[in-house]
């Protein structure tokens, strides 16, 4: 089963990935400073390192991370971009998390 520690690791990993991609976006599309590429590179390196801390590198673990990533991306949309997610966004997150839960917690035959 998942522990709170694992879920927290997923959340921190997702934030590192989002920040690492968002900062170059600001530079390329919003005319922000090129200096944003330095923290972006640091954030993406942190993201790669955090991936090594996950319980195992398997499809099921990545499915769980994907569900957390989608959720974090919509929180980012609201908190950073100031765009309130729609009911459809919330439904999409719910479907993603439900799919992740089915993959992670389905009965397994040894």
Foldseek 3Di string as FASTA:
>chain_A
DDDPVLLVLLLLLLVLQCLLVVQVCCVPPVVDDPVSNVSSVVSVVVSVVSVVVHPDPDPLSVLQSVLSNLVNVQVCCCPPVVDHDDPVSVVVSVVSNVVSCCSNPPDDDD
